[in-house]
Amino acid sequence: MPDSRLRIIADAGHAADEPGILDALIDETGKAAAKFSGMTFHE
């Protein structure tokens, strides 16, 4: 994907509830929401 990014989170494993992973997920979700807001999706 052209807009993909790799983020390496220090002191993190595989669980989504680890503080560093959770912060990154919230940050990236907010960026995605801002990017796609206003777009319409058709099923």
C-alpha atoms as a PDB file:
ATOM      1  CA  MET A   1       0.000   0.000   0.000  1.00  0.00           C
ATOM      2  CA  PRO A   2       1.520   3.325  -0.990  1.00  0.00           C
ATOM      3  CA  ASP A   3       0.602   5.136   2.236  1.00  0.00           C
ATOM      4  CA  SER A   4       1.751   2.331   4.542  1.00  0.00           C
ATOM      5  CA  ARG A   5       4.157   3.044   7.356  1.00  0.00           C
ATOM      6  CA  LEU A   6       6.161   0.767   9.619  1.00  0.00           C
ATOM      7  CA  ARG A   7       6.220   1.840  13.240  1.00  0.00           C
ATOM      8  CA  ILE A   8       8.558   0.066  15.607  1.00  0.00           C
ATOM      9  CA  ILE A   9       7.321   0.442  19.161  1.00  0.00           C
ATOM     10  CA  ALA A  10       9.984   0.244  21.856  1.00  0.00           C
ATOM     11  CA  ASP A  11       9.468  -2.306  24.637  1.00  0.00           C
ATOM     12  CA  ALA A  12       6.339  -3.755  23.017  1.00  0.00           C
ATOM     13  CA  GLY A  13       5.300  -7.287  22.194  1.00  0.00           C
ATOM     14  CA  HIS A  14       2.225  -8.553  20.402  1.00  0.00           C
ATOM     15  CA  ALA A  15      -0.637  -7.502  22.673  1.00  0.00           C
ATOM     16  CA  ALA A  16      -2.814  -4.577  21.593  1.00  0.00           C
ATOM     17  CA  ASP A  17      -3.293  -3.487  25.210  1.00  0.00           C
ATOM     18  CA  GLU A  18       0.372  -2.721  25.872  1.00  0.00           C
ATOM     19  CA  PRO A  19       0.815   1.029  26.486  1.00  0.00           C
ATOM     20  CA  GLY A  20       3.094   1.723  23.487  1.00  0.00           C
ATOM     21  CA  ILE A  21       0.991  -0.356  21.091  1.00  0.00           C
ATOM     22  CA  LEU A  22      -2.251   1.157  22.366  1.00  0.00           C
ATOM     23  CA  ASP A  23      -0.924   4.714  21.952  1.00  0.00           C
ATOM     24  CA  ALA A  24       0.202   3.964  18.388  1.00  0.00           C
ATOM     25  CA  LEU A  25      -3.140   2.340  17.503  1.00  0.00           C
ATOM     26  CA  ILE A  26      -5.084   5.346  18.805  1.00  0.00           C
ATOM     27  CA  ASP A  27      -2.768   7.757  16.980  1.00  0.00           C
ATOM     28  CA  GLU A  28      -2.989   5.945  13.650  1.00  0.00           C
ATOM     29  CA  THR A  29      -6.745   5.404  13.950  1.00  0.00           C
ATOM     30  CA  GLY A  30      -7.209   9.136  14.420  1.00  0.00           C
ATOM     31  CA  LYS A  31      -5.051   9.855  11.373  1.00  0.00           C
ATOM     32  CA  ALA A  32      -7.028   7.374   9.277  1.00  0.00           C
ATOM     33  CA  ALA A  33     -10.329   8.855  10.435  1.00  0.00           C
ATOM     34  CA  ALA A  34      -9.160  12.347   9.498  1.00  0.00           C
ATOM     35  CA  LYS A  35      -7.931  11.147   6.121  1.00  0.00           C
ATOM     36  CA  PHE A  36     -11.148   9.328   5.245  1.00  0.00           C
ATOM     37  CA  SER A  37     -13.675  11.701   6.791  1.00  0.00           C
ATOM     38  CA  GLY A  38     -15.971  13.105   4.195  1.00  0.00           C
ATOM     39  CA  MET A  39     -15.446  10.169   1.842  1.00  0.00           C
ATOM     40  CA  THR A  40     -18.422   8.054   0.881  1.00  0.00           C
ATOM     41  CA  PHE A  41     -18.256   4.289   0.683  1.00  0.00           C
ATOM     42  CA  HIS A  42     -20.523   2.168  -1.454  1.00  0.00           C
ATOM     43  CA  GLU A  43     -21.309  -1.459  -0.655  1.00  0.00           C
END
